[in-house]
C-alpha cells in the first residue's frame, strides 16, 4: 500500500478508536447516539476520500472501502440502537437488540 494511503487510513482510524472509548464512557443514550452520529460521519468522509483518491490499485481501493464500510455499518447500528432507546422506542428494536432493563 502507498504510504500516503496508510497515513490517510490512520487519520480516520484514530478518531474512530477514541469515539469507541467515548461511546463506552457515555452515561446517557442520547449522548451515545450523538457519539455514534459523529462516528458515522467520519466513516462517510473516509469512504468519500477513498472513492476520489487517484491512482489506487484494485486491492488498495477494495481494502479501504471495506474498512470504511465496516466502520460505517457499526456506527449506523450503534446510532439506531441508542437513538431509538433514547427516545423511548425500545419496542421498535428486535428482541436481541434491546438493552437490559436491569438498573
N, C-alpha and C. Protein backbone atom coordinates (compact mmCIF):
# COMPACT_ATOMS: atom_id res chain seq x y z
N UNK A 1 0.84 -1.18 0.00
CA UNK A 1 0.00 0.00 0.00
C UNK A 1 0.88 1.25 0.00
N UNK A 2 0.34 2.27 -0.55
CA UNK A 2 1.05 3.55 -0.60
C UNK A 2 1.14 4.16 0.80
N UNK A 3 2.29 4.72 1.16
CA UNK A 3 2.42 5.34 2.50
C UNK A 3 1.39 6.44 2.74
N UNK A 4 1.04 7.20 1.70
CA UNK A 4 0.05 8.27 1.87
C UNK A 4 -1.32 7.69 2.21
N UNK A 5 -1.65 6.56 1.58
CA UNK A 5 -2.94 5.92 1.84
C UNK A 5 -2.98 5.35 3.26
N UNK A 6 -1.88 4.76 3.68
CA UNK A 6 -1.80 4.23 5.04
C UNK A 6 -1.98 5.36 6.05
N UNK A 7 -1.33 6.48 5.80
CA UNK A 7 -1.46 7.63 6.70
C UNK A 7 -2.89 8.16 6.71
N UNK A 8 -3.54 8.16 5.55
CA UNK A 8 -4.93 8.62 5.49
C UNK A 8 -5.85 7.69 6.28
N UNK A 9 -5.65 6.39 6.16
CA UNK A 9 -6.48 5.43 6.90
C UNK A 9 -6.25 5.59 8.41
N UNK A 10 -5.01 5.82 8.80
CA UNK A 10 -4.73 6.05 10.22
C UNK A 10 -5.40 7.32 10.70
N UNK A 11 -5.47 8.31 9.81
CA UNK A 11 -6.11 9.57 10.17
C UNK A 11 -7.59 9.35 10.52
N UNK A 12 -8.23 8.38 9.89
CA UNK A 12 -9.63 8.09 10.18
C UNK A 12 -9.79 7.06 11.29
N UNK A 13 -8.85 6.13 11.42
CA UNK A 13 -8.96 5.11 12.45
C UNK A 13 -8.70 5.65 13.85
N UNK A 14 -7.81 6.62 13.99
CA UNK A 14 -7.50 7.18 15.31
C UNK A 14 -8.74 7.82 15.95
N UNK A 15 -9.47 8.73 15.26
CA UNK A 15 -10.67 9.29 15.90
C UNK A 15 -11.76 8.25 16.13
N UNK A 16 -11.83 7.26 15.26
CA UNK A 16 -12.83 6.21 15.44
C UNK A 16 -12.55 5.43 16.72
N UNK A 17 -11.28 5.16 17.00
CA UNK A 17 -10.91 4.47 18.24
C UNK A 17 -11.27 5.30 19.46
N UNK A 18 -10.99 6.59 19.40
CA UNK A 18 -11.33 7.49 20.50
C UNK A 18 -12.85 7.53 20.70
N UNK A 19 -13.59 7.54 19.60
CA UNK A 19 -15.05 7.58 19.70
C UNK A 19 -15.62 6.29 20.29
N UNK A 20 -15.00 5.14 20.00
CA UNK A 20 -15.45 3.90 20.63
C UNK A 20 -15.27 3.97 22.14
N UNK A 21 -14.17 4.55 22.59
CA UNK A 21 -13.97 4.73 24.03
C UNK A 21 -15.02 5.70 24.59
N UNK A 22 -15.29 6.79 23.86
CA UNK A 22 -16.30 7.75 24.31
C UNK A 22 -17.67 7.11 24.38
N UNK A 23 -17.97 6.22 23.45
CA UNK A 23 -19.25 5.51 23.45
C UNK A 23 -19.38 4.67 24.71
N UNK A 24 -18.30 4.02 25.11
CA UNK A 24 -18.33 3.20 26.32
C UNK A 24 -18.46 4.03 27.59
N UNK A 25 -17.94 5.25 27.58
CA UNK A 25 -17.98 6.10 28.77
C UNK A 25 -19.22 6.97 28.86
N UNK A 26 -19.94 7.13 27.77
CA UNK A 26 -21.13 7.99 27.76
C UNK A 26 -22.18 7.44 28.72
N UNK A 27 -22.81 8.34 29.48
CA UNK A 27 -23.77 7.92 30.51
C UNK A 27 -25.21 7.81 30.00
N UNK A 28 -25.57 8.63 29.01
CA UNK A 28 -26.96 8.62 28.56
C UNK A 28 -27.06 8.06 27.14
N UNK A 29 -28.23 7.55 26.82
CA UNK A 29 -28.45 7.00 25.48
C UNK A 29 -28.39 8.09 24.41
N UNK A 30 -28.84 9.30 24.76
CA UNK A 30 -28.77 10.40 23.81
C UNK A 30 -27.34 10.76 23.46
N UNK A 31 -26.47 10.77 24.46
CA UNK A 31 -25.06 11.06 24.21
C UNK A 31 -24.42 9.96 23.39
N UNK A 32 -24.79 8.72 23.66
CA UNK A 32 -24.27 7.60 22.87
C UNK A 32 -24.73 7.70 21.42
N UNK A 33 -25.97 8.12 21.21
CA UNK A 33 -26.46 8.31 19.84
C UNK A 33 -25.69 9.43 19.15
N UNK A 34 -25.37 10.49 19.88
CA UNK A 34 -24.60 11.60 19.31
C UNK A 34 -23.19 11.18 18.94
N UNK A 35 -22.54 10.41 19.81
CA UNK A 35 -21.20 9.90 19.52
C UNK A 35 -21.26 8.99 18.28
N UNK A 36 -22.30 8.19 18.19
CA UNK A 36 -22.46 7.30 17.05
C UNK A 36 -22.66 8.09 15.76
N UNK A 37 -23.38 9.19 15.83
CA UNK A 37 -23.59 10.03 14.64
C UNK A 37 -22.28 10.65 14.17
N UNK A 38 -21.44 11.06 15.10
CA UNK A 38 -20.13 11.61 14.73
C UNK A 38 -19.26 10.52 14.11
N UNK A 39 -19.29 9.33 14.68
CA UNK A 39 -18.54 8.21 14.11
C UNK A 39 -19.02 7.86 12.71
N UNK A 40 -20.32 7.90 12.51
CA UNK A 40 -20.87 7.63 11.18
C UNK A 40 -20.42 8.69 10.18
N UNK A 41 -20.40 9.94 10.60
CA UNK A 41 -19.97 10.99 9.68
C UNK A 41 -18.49 10.83 9.32
N UNK A 42 -17.66 10.40 10.26
CA UNK A 42 -16.25 10.13 9.96
C UNK A 42 -16.12 8.99 8.96
N UNK A 43 -16.91 7.94 9.12
CA UNK A 43 -16.86 6.81 8.19
C UNK A 43 -17.30 7.23 6.79
N UNK A 44 -18.30 8.10 6.69
CA UNK A 44 -18.77 8.58 5.38
C UNK A 44 -17.69 9.43 4.71
N UNK A 45 -17.03 10.30 5.48
CA UNK A 45 -15.95 11.11 4.90
C UNK A 45 -14.81 10.21 4.45
N UNK A 46 -14.48 9.22 5.23
CA UNK A 46 -13.43 8.26 4.87
C UNK A 46 -13.78 7.57 3.56
N UNK A 47 -15.01 7.11 3.43
CA UNK A 47 -15.47 6.45 2.21
C UNK A 47 -15.35 7.38 1.00
N UNK A 48 -15.75 8.62 1.17
CA UNK A 48 -15.69 9.59 0.07
C UNK A 48 -14.23 9.87 -0.34
N UNK A 49 -13.36 10.01 0.65
CA UNK A 49 -11.94 10.24 0.35
C UNK A 49 -11.38 9.09 -0.47
N UNK A 50 -11.70 7.86 -0.08
CA UNK A 50 -11.20 6.70 -0.81
C UNK A 50 -11.75 6.66 -2.23
N UNK A 51 -12.99 7.00 -2.39
CA UNK A 51 -13.59 6.95 -3.73
C UNK A 51 -12.95 7.96 -4.67
N UNK A 52 -12.50 9.10 -4.17
CA UNK A 52 -11.90 10.13 -5.00
C UNK A 52 -10.38 10.08 -5.04
N UNK A 53 -9.78 9.13 -4.32
CA UNK A 53 -8.32 9.04 -4.27
C UNK A 53 -7.81 8.57 -5.64
N UNK A 54 -6.88 9.31 -6.22
CA UNK A 54 -6.39 8.92 -7.56
C UNK A 54 -5.36 7.79 -7.50
N UNK A 55 -5.31 7.02 -8.55
CA UNK A 55 -4.26 6.02 -8.79
C UNK A 55 -4.14 4.94 -7.72
N UNK A 56 -5.25 4.44 -7.22
CA UNK A 56 -5.20 3.32 -6.29
C UNK A 56 -5.32 2.02 -7.08
N UNK A 57 -4.60 1.01 -6.63
CA UNK A 57 -4.78 -0.31 -7.24
C UNK A 57 -6.12 -0.87 -6.76
N UNK A 58 -6.58 -1.91 -7.42
CA UNK A 58 -7.85 -2.52 -7.02
C UNK A 58 -7.83 -3.01 -5.59
N UNK A 59 -6.73 -3.65 -5.19
CA UNK A 59 -6.62 -4.18 -3.83
C UNK A 59 -6.66 -3.06 -2.80
N UNK A 60 -5.94 -1.98 -3.06
CA UNK A 60 -5.93 -0.86 -2.12
C UNK A 60 -7.32 -0.24 -2.00
N UNK A 61 -7.98 -0.05 -3.13
CA UNK A 61 -9.31 0.56 -3.12
C UNK A 61 -10.30 -0.34 -2.38
N UNK A 62 -10.29 -1.63 -2.69
CA UNK A 62 -11.25 -2.54 -2.05
C UNK A 62 -10.99 -2.67 -0.55
N UNK A 63 -9.73 -2.70 -0.15
CA UNK A 63 -9.41 -2.83 1.28
C UNK A 63 -9.87 -1.60 2.05
N UNK A 64 -9.60 -0.42 1.53
CA UNK A 64 -10.00 0.79 2.24
C UNK A 64 -11.52 1.00 2.20
N UNK A 65 -12.15 0.63 1.10
CA UNK A 65 -13.61 0.70 1.05
C UNK A 65 -14.23 -0.26 2.06
N UNK A 66 -13.63 -1.45 2.19
CA UNK A 66 -14.14 -2.42 3.17
C UNK A 66 -14.00 -1.88 4.59
N UNK A 67 -12.87 -1.26 4.91
CA UNK A 67 -12.68 -0.69 6.25
C UNK A 67 -13.68 0.43 6.52
N UNK A 68 -13.85 1.32 5.55
CA UNK A 68 -14.79 2.43 5.74
C UNK A 68 -16.22 1.94 5.85
N UNK A 69 -16.58 0.95 5.04
CA UNK A 69 -17.94 0.41 5.07
C UNK A 69 -18.22 -0.33 6.38
N UNK A 70 -17.27 -1.12 6.82
CA UNK A 70 -17.43 -1.83 8.09
C UNK A 70 -17.58 -0.85 9.25
N UNK A 71 -16.74 0.16 9.27
CA UNK A 71 -16.84 1.19 10.30
C UNK A 71 -18.19 1.89 10.24
N UNK A 72 -18.62 2.25 9.05
CA UNK A 72 -19.92 2.92 8.88
C UNK A 72 -21.08 2.04 9.32
N UNK A 73 -21.02 0.76 8.98
CA UNK A 73 -22.11 -0.16 9.36
C UNK A 73 -22.22 -0.29 10.88
N UNK A 74 -21.09 -0.37 11.55
CA UNK A 74 -21.09 -0.46 13.02
C UNK A 74 -21.69 0.80 13.63
N UNK A 75 -21.30 1.98 13.09
CA UNK A 75 -21.82 3.24 13.63
C UNK A 75 -23.31 3.41 13.34
N UNK A 76 -23.78 2.94 12.18
CA UNK A 76 -25.22 3.00 11.88
C UNK A 76 -25.99 2.16 12.88
N UNK A 77 -25.52 0.94 13.12
CA UNK A 77 -26.18 0.06 14.06
C UNK A 77 -26.19 0.67 15.47
N UNK A 78 -25.06 1.22 15.88
CA UNK A 78 -24.98 1.86 17.19
C UNK A 78 -25.92 3.06 17.27
N UNK A 79 -25.94 3.87 16.22
CA UNK A 79 -26.82 5.04 16.21
C UNK A 79 -28.28 4.64 16.29
N UNK A 80 -28.67 3.61 15.55
CA UNK A 80 -30.07 3.16 15.59
C UNK A 80 -30.46 2.65 16.97
N UNK A 81 -29.61 1.82 17.55
CA UNK A 81 -29.93 1.25 18.87
C UNK A 81 -30.03 2.35 19.92
N UNK A 82 -29.01 3.20 20.00
CA UNK A 82 -29.01 4.23 21.04
C UNK A 82 -29.99 5.35 20.74
N UNK A 83 -30.20 5.65 19.47
CA UNK A 83 -31.17 6.67 19.10
C UNK A 83 -32.58 6.26 19.45
N UNK A 84 -32.95 5.02 19.09
CA UNK A 84 -34.30 4.55 19.40
C UNK A 84 -34.49 4.37 20.91
N UNK A 85 -33.45 3.94 21.59
CA UNK A 85 -33.55 3.76 23.04
C UNK A 85 -33.68 5.11 23.74
N UNK A 86 -32.99 6.13 23.21
CA UNK A 86 -33.02 7.44 23.87
C UNK A 86 -34.37 8.13 23.75
N UNK A 87 -35.13 7.83 22.71
CA UNK A 87 -36.44 8.46 22.55
C UNK A 87 -37.56 7.56 23.03
N UNK A 88 -37.22 6.48 23.70
CA UNK A 88 -38.23 5.61 24.29
C UNK A 88 -38.88 4.65 23.32
N UNK A 89 -38.19 4.33 22.25
CA UNK A 89 -38.75 3.43 21.23
C UNK A 89 -38.10 2.05 21.28
N UNK A 90 -37.82 1.55 22.48
CA UNK A 90 -37.17 0.25 22.60
C UNK A 90 -37.99 -0.86 21.96
N UNK A 91 -39.30 -0.70 21.97
CA UNK A 91 -40.15 -1.76 21.42
C UNK A 91 -40.00 -1.90 19.91
N UNK A 92 -39.42 -0.91 19.25
CA UNK A 92 -39.21 -0.99 17.80
C UNK A 92 -37.96 -1.79 17.44
N UNK A 93 -37.09 -2.03 18.43
CA UNK A 93 -35.89 -2.81 18.19
C UNK A 93 -36.22 -4.30 18.22
N UNK A 94 -35.53 -5.12 17.43
CA UNK A 94 -35.70 -6.56 17.56
C UNK A 94 -35.30 -7.01 18.96
N UNK A 95 -35.85 -8.14 19.40
CA UNK A 95 -35.62 -8.60 20.78
C UNK A 95 -34.14 -8.74 21.12
N UNK A 96 -33.33 -9.22 20.19
CA UNK A 96 -31.92 -9.44 20.50
C UNK A 96 -31.13 -8.13 20.61
N UNK A 97 -31.72 -6.99 20.21
CA UNK A 97 -31.02 -5.71 20.27
C UNK A 97 -31.47 -4.84 21.44
N UNK A 98 -32.46 -5.28 22.17
CA UNK A 98 -32.99 -4.46 23.25
C UNK A 98 -32.05 -4.48 24.44
N UNK A 99 -31.78 -3.31 25.02
CA UNK A 99 -30.90 -3.26 26.19
C UNK A 99 -31.59 -3.88 27.40
N UNK A 100 -30.75 -4.27 28.36
CA UNK A 100 -31.28 -4.86 29.60
C UNK A 100 -32.12 -3.85 30.35
N UNK A 101 -33.10 -4.35 31.08
CA UNK A 101 -33.97 -3.50 31.89
C UNK A 101 -33.46 -3.40 33.33
N UNK A 102 -32.36 -4.05 33.63
CA UNK A 102 -31.82 -4.02 34.99
C UNK A 102 -31.31 -2.63 35.32
N UNK A 103 -31.45 -2.23 36.59
CA UNK A 103 -30.95 -0.89 36.99
C UNK A 103 -29.46 -0.80 37.01
